[in-house]
Amino acid sequence: MPTSKIIYKGELRTEAVHLFSNNKIITDAPLDNQGKAEAFSPTDLVATALVSCMFTIIGIKARDSDFSIENASATATKIMTDKPRKIKEIIIEFDFANHNYSEKEKKLIENSAKTCPVALSLAKDIKQTLVFNF
């Protein structure tokens, strides 16, 4: 069964509908690629999906190990190359500062992030730089 339906809306914009929940995501081309940057660009969503996937896997492992990551946050920075135009690097900075984790829990968090399905699916030439602030 399909996961989503994507409609090209014109002016370098798309609307993606998640078929199970009917939630929608709008994408817009970035300013440096003839767009208006009024929404996430498709490559922004790649970086965002990577962080979301990492948090999902970390959350599963934390729950299974009886600790919480609630209210942790992260920022994603996407670095592009021009020729060819593609993602060169994604820098993710996690903030777990409001938690007091053991060394074992910190290691579990770090390993979980590095082994999420999106991280493992991205091309090997996309550098993934992870910073964990505990």
Foldseek 3Di string as FASTA:
>chain_A
DDQWDWDDPDQQKIWIAGVVPRDIAMAWDDPVVNTDPPHHHPQSVLLVVLVVLLVVQLQVVCVVVPHHQPPKDKDWDWDFDVVPTDTQEIEIEIESPVDDDDPVSVVSSVVSSCPGPSNVPDDPRYHYHYHYHD
